[in-house]
Amino acid sequence: MEGENGTSDNKQQQGRYQVLGEYTGEAKTASIDTFIEFAASHARDRQFTGDRIDEIDRVLREVLTNIINFTFDRGPGEIKVSCNLDKFGKFVLAIVDSGKPFNMLLEDDPFIGAMEAANDKPRPTTRTMKRLSSNIEYKRLENKNHLIITLARDMKSGKA
């Protein structure tokens, strides 16, 4: 895949993660399936079940749709999806975008949203992402949004 690195010959340890691969592409709806297939291929390599890969598809589709719709309203941009393993062997997706500051974890919060002026604009949804992930973190670093999503192989047991 274009933009991919981190093949089995190029695995690297980066901080607390083992990087399996990275894919960088345009922040547009037409790119979503390519990002999902990239992540799904790494999940398959880790022997994730078909059902769990479908859940990863749903998580990434929700996240990428939110990023594209809510951070790039002023023009095109770039998204990087990185597949990693944490020190416990859990699958971690790191999504970095060059859009405006956007913490979708707070934007979807009805209490925080209630403090803003009322408007009829659609709001981001994070229900699927929160339900199917073990842990989610957001950071704004170097003028980029960083969303880190930890996905256990089995959500019921929480095991890698």
N, C-alpha and C. Protein backbone atom coordinates (compact mmCIF):
# COMPACT_ATOMS: atom_id res chain seq x y z
N MET A 1 0.83 -1.20 0.00
CA MET A 1 0.00 0.00 0.00
C MET A 1 0.86 1.24 0.00
N GLU A 2 0.42 2.23 -0.74
CA GLU A 2 1.14 3.48 -0.78
C GLU A 2 1.11 4.12 0.61
N GLY A 3 2.24 4.66 1.03
CA GLY A 3 2.30 5.33 2.32
C GLY A 3 2.57 4.39 3.47
N GLU A 4 2.68 3.10 3.23
CA GLU A 4 2.85 2.14 4.31
C GLU A 4 4.33 1.90 4.56
N ASN A 5 4.65 1.75 5.81
CA ASN A 5 5.96 1.24 6.18
C ASN A 5 5.76 0.35 7.39
N GLY A 6 6.81 -0.10 7.99
CA GLY A 6 6.66 -0.95 9.17
C GLY A 6 6.29 -2.38 8.82
N THR A 7 6.75 -2.87 7.69
CA THR A 7 6.51 -4.26 7.34
C THR A 7 7.28 -5.14 8.31
N SER A 8 7.11 -6.43 8.18
CA SER A 8 7.74 -7.34 9.13
C SER A 8 9.26 -7.16 9.18
N ASP A 9 9.85 -6.67 8.10
CA ASP A 9 11.30 -6.44 8.10
C ASP A 9 11.66 -5.09 8.72
N ASN A 10 10.66 -4.25 8.99
CA ASN A 10 10.92 -2.90 9.43
C ASN A 10 10.21 -2.57 10.74
N LYS A 11 10.02 -3.57 11.60
CA LYS A 11 9.37 -3.31 12.88
C LYS A 11 10.31 -2.50 13.75
N GLN A 12 9.73 -1.56 14.49
CA GLN A 12 10.56 -0.72 15.34
C GLN A 12 9.85 -0.47 16.66
N GLN A 13 10.61 -0.21 17.67
CA GLN A 13 10.08 0.14 18.97
C GLN A 13 10.08 1.66 19.06
N GLN A 14 8.91 2.24 19.32
CA GLN A 14 8.81 3.68 19.42
C GLN A 14 8.15 4.01 20.74
N GLY A 15 8.95 4.41 21.73
CA GLY A 15 8.40 4.70 23.05
C GLY A 15 7.84 3.44 23.66
N ARG A 16 6.56 3.50 24.01
CA ARG A 16 5.93 2.35 24.66
C ARG A 16 5.24 1.41 23.69
N TYR A 17 5.40 1.64 22.39
CA TYR A 17 4.74 0.82 21.38
C TYR A 17 5.72 0.18 20.42
N GLN A 18 5.34 -0.99 19.92
CA GLN A 18 6.04 -1.60 18.80
C GLN A 18 5.23 -1.22 17.57
N VAL A 19 5.83 -0.49 16.66
CA VAL A 19 5.13 -0.03 15.46
C VAL A 19 5.08 -1.18 14.45
N LEU A 20 3.86 -1.54 14.05
CA LEU A 20 3.67 -2.59 13.05
C LEU A 20 3.64 -2.00 11.65
N GLY A 21 3.10 -0.81 11.51
CA GLY A 21 3.02 -0.16 10.22
C GLY A 21 2.29 1.16 10.30
N GLU A 22 2.52 2.01 9.30
CA GLU A 22 1.88 3.33 9.23
C GLU A 22 1.37 3.54 7.82
N TYR A 23 0.24 4.22 7.73
CA TYR A 23 -0.30 4.59 6.43
C TYR A 23 -0.75 6.04 6.51
N THR A 24 -0.31 6.84 5.56
CA THR A 24 -0.68 8.25 5.50
C THR A 24 -1.44 8.48 4.20
N GLY A 25 -2.57 9.19 4.33
CA GLY A 25 -3.38 9.48 3.16
C GLY A 25 -4.15 10.77 3.31
N GLU A 26 -4.86 11.12 2.26
CA GLU A 26 -5.65 12.35 2.27
C GLU A 26 -6.85 12.22 3.18
N ALA A 27 -7.21 13.33 3.80
CA ALA A 27 -8.37 13.38 4.69
C ALA A 27 -9.62 13.60 3.85
N LYS A 28 -10.09 12.53 3.25
CA LYS A 28 -11.31 12.61 2.45
C LYS A 28 -12.08 11.30 2.59
N THR A 29 -13.37 11.39 2.42
CA THR A 29 -14.24 10.24 2.61
C THR A 29 -13.82 9.06 1.74
N ALA A 30 -13.38 9.32 0.54
CA ALA A 30 -12.98 8.25 -0.38
C ALA A 30 -11.78 7.46 0.13
N SER A 31 -11.03 7.99 1.09
CA SER A 31 -9.84 7.31 1.62
C SER A 31 -10.16 6.38 2.79
N ILE A 32 -11.34 6.47 3.36
CA ILE A 32 -11.67 5.72 4.58
C ILE A 32 -11.46 4.22 4.41
N ASP A 33 -11.96 3.65 3.32
CA ASP A 33 -11.82 2.20 3.12
C ASP A 33 -10.36 1.75 3.05
N THR A 34 -9.50 2.58 2.49
CA THR A 34 -8.08 2.23 2.40
C THR A 34 -7.45 2.22 3.80
N PHE A 35 -7.78 3.20 4.63
CA PHE A 35 -7.29 3.21 6.01
C PHE A 35 -7.78 1.96 6.76
N ILE A 36 -9.04 1.62 6.58
CA ILE A 36 -9.62 0.47 7.28
C ILE A 36 -8.97 -0.82 6.83
N GLU A 37 -8.76 -0.99 5.55
CA GLU A 37 -8.12 -2.21 5.06
C GLU A 37 -6.70 -2.33 5.58
N PHE A 38 -6.01 -1.21 5.66
CA PHE A 38 -4.65 -1.21 6.22
C PHE A 38 -4.67 -1.73 7.66
N ALA A 39 -5.54 -1.18 8.50
CA ALA A 39 -5.62 -1.62 9.90
C ALA A 39 -6.12 -3.05 10.01
N ALA A 40 -7.09 -3.42 9.19
CA ALA A 40 -7.64 -4.78 9.23
C ALA A 40 -6.57 -5.81 8.87
N SER A 41 -5.71 -5.48 7.92
CA SER A 41 -4.66 -6.43 7.54
C SER A 41 -3.71 -6.69 8.70
N HIS A 42 -3.39 -5.65 9.47
CA HIS A 42 -2.53 -5.84 10.64
C HIS A 42 -3.26 -6.61 11.75
N ALA A 43 -4.56 -6.38 11.90
CA ALA A 43 -5.34 -7.12 12.90
C ALA A 43 -5.42 -8.60 12.50
N ARG A 44 -5.60 -8.88 11.21
CA ARG A 44 -5.61 -10.27 10.75
C ARG A 44 -4.28 -10.94 11.04
N ASP A 45 -3.18 -10.21 10.82
CA ASP A 45 -1.84 -10.75 11.11
C ASP A 45 -1.68 -11.10 12.59
N ARG A 46 -2.45 -10.47 13.45
CA ARG A 46 -2.41 -10.71 14.90
C ARG A 46 -3.46 -11.75 15.31
N GLN A 47 -4.06 -12.42 14.34
CA GLN A 47 -5.06 -13.45 14.55
C GLN A 47 -6.33 -12.95 15.25
N PHE A 48 -6.74 -11.71 14.95
CA PHE A 48 -8.03 -11.22 15.44
C PHE A 48 -9.13 -11.98 14.70
N THR A 49 -10.25 -12.21 15.39
CA THR A 49 -11.38 -12.89 14.75
C THR A 49 -12.02 -11.97 13.71
N GLY A 50 -12.79 -12.56 12.82
CA GLY A 50 -13.51 -11.78 11.82
C GLY A 50 -14.47 -10.79 12.46
N ASP A 51 -15.13 -11.21 13.55
CA ASP A 51 -16.05 -10.30 14.25
C ASP A 51 -15.30 -9.12 14.85
N ARG A 52 -14.14 -9.37 15.42
CA ARG A 52 -13.38 -8.28 16.03
C ARG A 52 -12.84 -7.34 14.95
N ILE A 53 -12.46 -7.87 13.82
CA ILE A 53 -12.00 -7.03 12.71
C ILE A 53 -13.15 -6.16 12.20
N ASP A 54 -14.36 -6.72 12.16
CA ASP A 54 -15.54 -5.91 11.80
C ASP A 54 -15.75 -4.77 12.79
N GLU A 55 -15.50 -5.03 14.08
CA GLU A 55 -15.63 -3.99 15.09
C GLU A 55 -14.56 -2.91 14.91
N ILE A 56 -13.35 -3.33 14.56
CA ILE A 56 -12.28 -2.37 14.28
C ILE A 56 -12.68 -1.51 13.08
N ASP A 57 -13.28 -2.12 12.08
CA ASP A 57 -13.79 -1.38 10.92
C ASP A 57 -14.78 -0.31 11.37
N ARG A 58 -15.71 -0.67 12.24
CA ARG A 58 -16.73 0.27 12.71
C ARG A 58 -16.11 1.40 13.52
N VAL A 59 -15.14 1.07 14.36
CA VAL A 59 -14.46 2.09 15.17
C VAL A 59 -13.74 3.09 14.26
N LEU A 60 -12.93 2.57 13.34
CA LEU A 60 -12.17 3.45 12.45
C LEU A 60 -13.08 4.27 11.54
N ARG A 61 -14.15 3.68 11.06
CA ARG A 61 -15.09 4.40 10.19
C ARG A 61 -15.69 5.58 10.95
N GLU A 62 -16.07 5.36 12.20
CA GLU A 62 -16.62 6.46 13.01
C GLU A 62 -15.58 7.54 13.26
N VAL A 63 -14.39 7.14 13.66
CA VAL A 63 -13.32 8.09 13.96
C VAL A 63 -12.95 8.91 12.73
N LEU A 64 -12.69 8.23 11.62
CA LEU A 64 -12.25 8.93 10.41
C LEU A 64 -13.34 9.84 9.85
N THR A 65 -14.58 9.41 9.93
CA THR A 65 -15.69 10.26 9.48
C THR A 65 -15.74 11.53 10.32
N ASN A 66 -15.61 11.39 11.64
CA ASN A 66 -15.59 12.57 12.51
C ASN A 66 -14.43 13.50 12.17
N ILE A 67 -13.25 12.94 11.99
CA ILE A 67 -12.08 13.76 11.68
C ILE A 67 -12.28 14.52 10.37
N ILE A 68 -12.72 13.81 9.35
CA ILE A 68 -12.90 14.44 8.04
C ILE A 68 -13.97 15.52 8.10
N ASN A 69 -15.08 15.24 8.77
CA ASN A 69 -16.20 16.18 8.80
C ASN A 69 -15.99 17.37 9.73
N PHE A 70 -15.21 17.20 10.80
CA PHE A 70 -15.14 18.25 11.82
C PHE A 70 -13.79 18.94 11.95
N THR A 71 -12.73 18.41 11.34
CA THR A 71 -11.44 19.09 11.47
C THR A 71 -10.93 19.70 10.18
N PHE A 72 -11.50 19.33 9.06
CA PHE A 72 -10.99 19.80 7.77
C PHE A 72 -12.02 20.63 7.02
N ASP A 73 -12.78 21.45 7.74
CA ASP A 73 -13.79 22.27 7.08
C ASP A 73 -13.18 23.43 6.30
N ARG A 74 -11.91 23.69 6.50
CA ARG A 74 -11.24 24.82 5.82
C ARG A 74 -10.34 24.37 4.68
N GLY A 75 -10.36 23.11 4.35
CA GLY A 75 -9.53 22.67 3.24
C GLY A 75 -8.99 21.28 3.46
N PRO A 76 -8.24 20.77 2.48
CA PRO A 76 -7.72 19.41 2.55
C PRO A 76 -6.65 19.24 3.62
N GLY A 77 -6.43 18.02 3.99
CA GLY A 77 -5.41 17.73 4.98
C GLY A 77 -4.95 16.29 4.86
N GLU A 78 -4.28 15.86 5.89
CA GLU A 78 -3.64 14.55 5.88
C GLU A 78 -3.96 13.82 7.18
N ILE A 79 -4.12 12.50 7.07
CA ILE A 79 -4.35 11.64 8.23
C ILE A 79 -3.31 10.52 8.17
N LYS A 80 -2.77 10.18 9.33
CA LYS A 80 -1.86 9.04 9.42
C LYS A 80 -2.44 8.05 10.42
N VAL A 81 -2.56 6.80 10.01
CA VAL A 81 -3.00 5.72 10.89
C VAL A 81 -1.80 4.82 11.11
N SER A 82 -1.51 4.59 12.38
CA SER A 82 -0.39 3.73 12.75
C SER A 82 -0.94 2.55 13.55
N CYS A 83 -0.53 1.34 13.18
CA CYS A 83 -0.90 0.14 13.92
C CYS A 83 0.28 -0.25 14.79
N ASN A 84 -0.01 -0.51 16.07
CA ASN A 84 1.04 -0.76 17.05
C ASN A 84 0.63 -1.87 18.01
N LEU A 85 1.61 -2.37 18.74
CA LEU A 85 1.36 -3.25 19.88
C LEU A 85 1.89 -2.54 21.11
N ASP A 86 1.08 -2.55 22.19
CA ASP A 86 1.59 -1.96 23.44
C ASP A 86 2.39 -3.00 24.20
N LYS A 87 2.90 -2.63 25.35
CA LYS A 87 3.77 -3.54 26.11
C LYS A 87 3.05 -4.78 26.62
N PHE A 88 1.70 -4.77 26.57
CA PHE A 88 0.91 -5.92 26.98
C PHE A 88 0.44 -6.75 25.79
N GLY A 89 0.85 -6.34 24.59
CA GLY A 89 0.47 -7.05 23.38
C GLY A 89 -0.87 -6.65 22.82
N LYS A 90 -1.47 -5.58 23.34
CA LYS A 90 -2.76 -5.11 22.82
C LYS A 90 -2.52 -4.30 21.55
N PHE A 91 -3.49 -4.38 20.66
CA PHE A 91 -3.45 -3.69 19.37
C PHE A 91 -3.84 -2.23 19.59
N VAL A 92 -3.01 -1.32 19.12
CA VAL A 92 -3.24 0.10 19.34
C VAL A 92 -3.23 0.83 18.00
N LEU A 93 -4.31 1.58 17.75
CA LEU A 93 -4.38 2.44 16.58
C LEU A 93 -4.06 3.85 17.00
N ALA A 94 -3.10 4.47 16.35
CA ALA A 94 -2.78 5.87 16.59
C ALA A 94 -3.18 6.64 15.34
N ILE A 95 -4.12 7.57 15.49
CA ILE A 95 -4.61 8.35 14.37
C ILE A 95 -4.16 9.78 14.58
N VAL A 96 -3.40 10.31 13.64
CA VAL A 96 -2.87 11.67 13.73
C VAL A 96 -3.38 12.44 12.52
N ASP A 97 -3.93 13.64 12.78
CA ASP A 97 -4.39 14.45 11.66
C ASP A 97 -3.88 15.87 11.79
N SER A 98 -3.81 16.55 10.65
CA SER A 98 -3.27 17.90 10.58
C SER A 98 -4.38 18.96 10.61
N GLY A 99 -5.57 18.57 11.03
CA GLY A 99 -6.70 19.50 11.05
C GLY A 99 -6.68 20.41 12.27
N LYS A 100 -7.75 21.23 12.37
CA LYS A 100 -7.86 22.14 13.51
C LYS A 100 -8.04 21.34 14.80
N PRO A 101 -7.76 21.93 15.95
CA PRO A 101 -7.91 21.21 17.22
C PRO A 101 -9.31 20.62 17.35
N PHE A 102 -9.37 19.33 17.69
CA PHE A 102 -10.65 18.64 17.75
C PHE A 102 -10.54 17.42 18.65
N ASN A 103 -11.06 17.54 19.86
CA ASN A 103 -11.11 16.40 20.78
C ASN A 103 -12.51 15.83 20.72
N MET A 104 -12.72 14.84 19.88
CA MET A 104 -14.06 14.29 19.69
C MET A 104 -14.59 13.64 20.96
N LEU A 105 -13.70 13.28 21.89
CA LEU A 105 -14.15 12.69 23.15
C LEU A 105 -14.92 13.71 23.98
N LEU A 106 -14.53 14.98 23.90
CA LEU A 106 -15.24 16.04 24.61
C LEU A 106 -16.39 16.61 23.79
N GLU A 107 -16.23 16.69 22.48
CA GLU A 107 -17.26 17.25 21.62
C GLU A 107 -18.56 16.47 21.72
N ASP A 108 -18.45 15.17 21.99
CA ASP A 108 -19.63 14.31 22.05
C ASP A 108 -20.26 14.31 23.45
N ASP A 109 -19.62 14.97 24.40
CA ASP A 109 -20.12 14.99 25.78
C ASP A 109 -21.31 15.95 25.89
N PRO A 110 -22.49 15.47 26.29
CA PRO A 110 -23.67 16.34 26.33
C PRO A 110 -23.55 17.46 27.35
N PHE A 111 -22.80 17.27 28.42
CA PHE A 111 -22.66 18.31 29.44
C PHE A 111 -21.77 19.45 28.95
N ILE A 112 -20.67 19.09 28.32
CA ILE A 112 -19.77 20.11 27.79
C ILE A 112 -20.44 20.79 26.61
N GLY A 113 -21.09 20.02 25.75
CA GLY A 113 -21.79 20.58 24.60
C GLY A 113 -22.92 21.51 25.02
N ALA A 114 -23.54 21.25 26.18
CA ALA A 114 -24.65 22.08 26.65
C ALA A 114 -24.18 23.48 27.01
N MET A 115 -22.89 23.65 27.30
CA MET A 115 -22.37 24.96 27.67
C MET A 115 -22.15 25.84 26.45
N GLU A 116 -22.11 25.25 25.28
CA GLU A 116 -21.91 26.02 24.06
C GLU A 116 -23.23 26.62 23.61
N ALA A 117 -23.14 27.61 22.76
CA ALA A 117 -24.35 28.20 22.20
C ALA A 117 -25.10 27.14 21.40
N ALA A 118 -26.42 27.16 21.53
CA ALA A 118 -27.23 26.18 20.81
C ALA A 118 -27.10 26.40 19.31
N ASN A 119 -26.96 25.32 18.59
CA ASN A 119 -26.93 25.40 17.13
C ASN A 119 -27.49 24.12 16.54
N ASP A 120 -27.78 24.16 15.29
CA ASP A 120 -28.37 23.01 14.62
C ASP A 120 -27.34 22.18 13.86
N LYS A 121 -26.07 22.47 14.07
CA LYS A 121 -25.02 21.73 13.38
C LYS A 121 -24.98 20.30 13.91
N PRO A 122 -24.67 19.34 13.04
CA PRO A 122 -24.51 17.96 13.53
C PRO A 122 -23.31 17.88 14.46
N ARG A 123 -23.42 16.99 15.43
CA ARG A 123 -22.35 16.79 16.40
C ARG A 123 -21.66 15.46 16.11
N PRO A 124 -20.39 15.35 16.46
CA PRO A 124 -19.70 14.08 16.25
C PRO A 124 -20.28 13.00 17.15
N THR A 125 -20.18 11.77 16.72
CA THR A 125 -20.61 10.65 17.53
C THR A 125 -19.39 9.81 17.88
N THR A 126 -19.35 9.34 19.10
CA THR A 126 -18.24 8.48 19.53
C THR A 126 -18.75 7.22 20.23
N ARG A 127 -20.02 6.97 20.13
CA ARG A 127 -20.63 5.84 20.84
C ARG A 127 -19.99 4.50 20.47
N THR A 128 -19.83 4.23 19.19
CA THR A 128 -19.25 2.96 18.74
C THR A 128 -17.80 2.84 19.19
N MET A 129 -17.05 3.90 19.00
CA MET A 129 -15.64 3.91 19.37
C MET A 129 -15.47 3.61 20.87
N LYS A 130 -16.26 4.26 21.70
CA LYS A 130 -16.14 4.07 23.14
C LYS A 130 -16.57 2.66 23.57
N ARG A 131 -17.60 2.13 22.93
CA ARG A 131 -18.13 0.82 23.31
C ARG A 131 -17.19 -0.32 22.91
N LEU A 132 -16.49 -0.19 21.79
CA LEU A 132 -15.70 -1.30 21.26
C LEU A 132 -14.21 -1.20 21.52
N SER A 133 -13.79 -0.18 22.28
CA SER A 133 -12.37 0.01 22.57
C SER A 133 -12.08 -0.20 24.04
N SER A 134 -10.85 -0.62 24.33
CA SER A 134 -10.43 -0.79 25.73
C SER A 134 -10.08 0.55 26.37
N ASN A 135 -9.45 1.43 25.58
CA ASN A 135 -9.02 2.73 26.10
C ASN A 135 -8.86 3.69 24.92
N ILE A 136 -9.17 4.98 25.19
CA ILE A 136 -9.02 6.01 24.15
C ILE A 136 -8.38 7.23 24.79
N GLU A 137 -7.39 7.79 24.12
CA GLU A 137 -6.72 8.99 24.60
C GLU A 137 -6.67 10.01 23.47
N TYR A 138 -6.78 11.29 23.84
CA TYR A 138 -6.63 12.38 22.87
C TYR A 138 -5.54 13.32 23.37
N LYS A 139 -4.71 13.76 22.43
CA LYS A 139 -3.69 14.77 22.74
C LYS A 139 -3.56 15.71 21.55
N ARG A 140 -3.22 16.94 21.83
CA ARG A 140 -2.89 17.90 20.78
C ARG A 140 -1.41 18.19 20.91
N LEU A 141 -0.61 17.74 19.96
CA LEU A 141 0.84 17.91 19.99
C LEU A 141 1.32 18.44 18.64
N GLU A 142 2.20 19.43 18.67
CA GLU A 142 2.83 19.96 17.47
C GLU A 142 1.80 20.30 16.39
N ASN A 143 0.72 20.97 16.80
CA ASN A 143 -0.35 21.39 15.90
C ASN A 143 -1.05 20.24 15.19
N LYS A 144 -1.08 19.08 15.82
CA LYS A 144 -1.77 17.92 15.26
C LYS A 144 -2.61 17.26 16.34
N ASN A 145 -3.74 16.67 15.91
CA ASN A 145 -4.59 15.88 16.79
C ASN A 145 -4.06 14.46 16.82
N HIS A 146 -3.96 13.90 18.01
CA HIS A 146 -3.51 12.52 18.18
C HIS A 146 -4.60 11.77 18.94
N LEU A 147 -5.17 10.75 18.33
CA LEU A 147 -6.15 9.91 18.98
C LEU A 147 -5.56 8.51 19.06
N ILE A 148 -5.44 7.98 20.27
CA ILE A 148 -4.85 6.66 20.48
C ILE A 148 -5.93 5.74 21.01
N ILE A 149 -6.20 4.67 20.26
CA ILE A 149 -7.28 3.75 20.59
C ILE A 149 -6.68 2.36 20.83
N THR A 150 -6.88 1.84 22.03
CA THR A 150 -6.40 0.51 22.38
C THR A 150 -7.54 -0.48 22.18
N LEU A 151 -7.24 -1.56 21.47
CA LEU A 151 -8.25 -2.56 21.13
C LEU A 151 -7.77 -3.94 21.58
N ALA A 152 -8.38 -4.45 22.63
CA ALA A 152 -8.07 -5.80 23.07
C ALA A 152 -8.59 -6.78 22.03
N ARG A 153 -7.94 -7.92 21.93
CA ARG A 153 -8.39 -8.96 21.01
C ARG A 153 -9.80 -9.42 21.38
N ASP A 154 -10.07 -9.47 22.68
CA ASP A 154 -11.37 -9.92 23.19
C ASP A 154 -11.87 -8.88 24.19
N MET A 155 -12.88 -8.12 23.80
CA MET A 155 -13.39 -7.05 24.68
C MET A 155 -14.03 -7.59 25.96
N LYS A 156 -14.59 -8.80 25.91
CA LYS A 156 -15.24 -9.36 27.10
C LYS A 156 -14.24 -9.64 28.21
N SER A 157 -13.07 -10.17 27.84
CA SER A 157 -12.07 -10.49 28.84
C SER A 157 -11.02 -9.38 28.97
N GLY A 158 -10.93 -8.52 27.96
CA GLY A 158 -9.94 -7.44 27.97
C GLY A 158 -8.54 -7.93 27.67
N LYS A 159 -8.42 -9.18 27.25
CA LYS A 159 -7.10 -9.74 26.98
C LYS A 159 -6.58 -9.31 25.63
N ALA A 160 -5.24 -9.22 25.55
CA ALA A 160 -4.57 -8.82 24.32
C ALA A 160 -4.99 -9.72 23.20
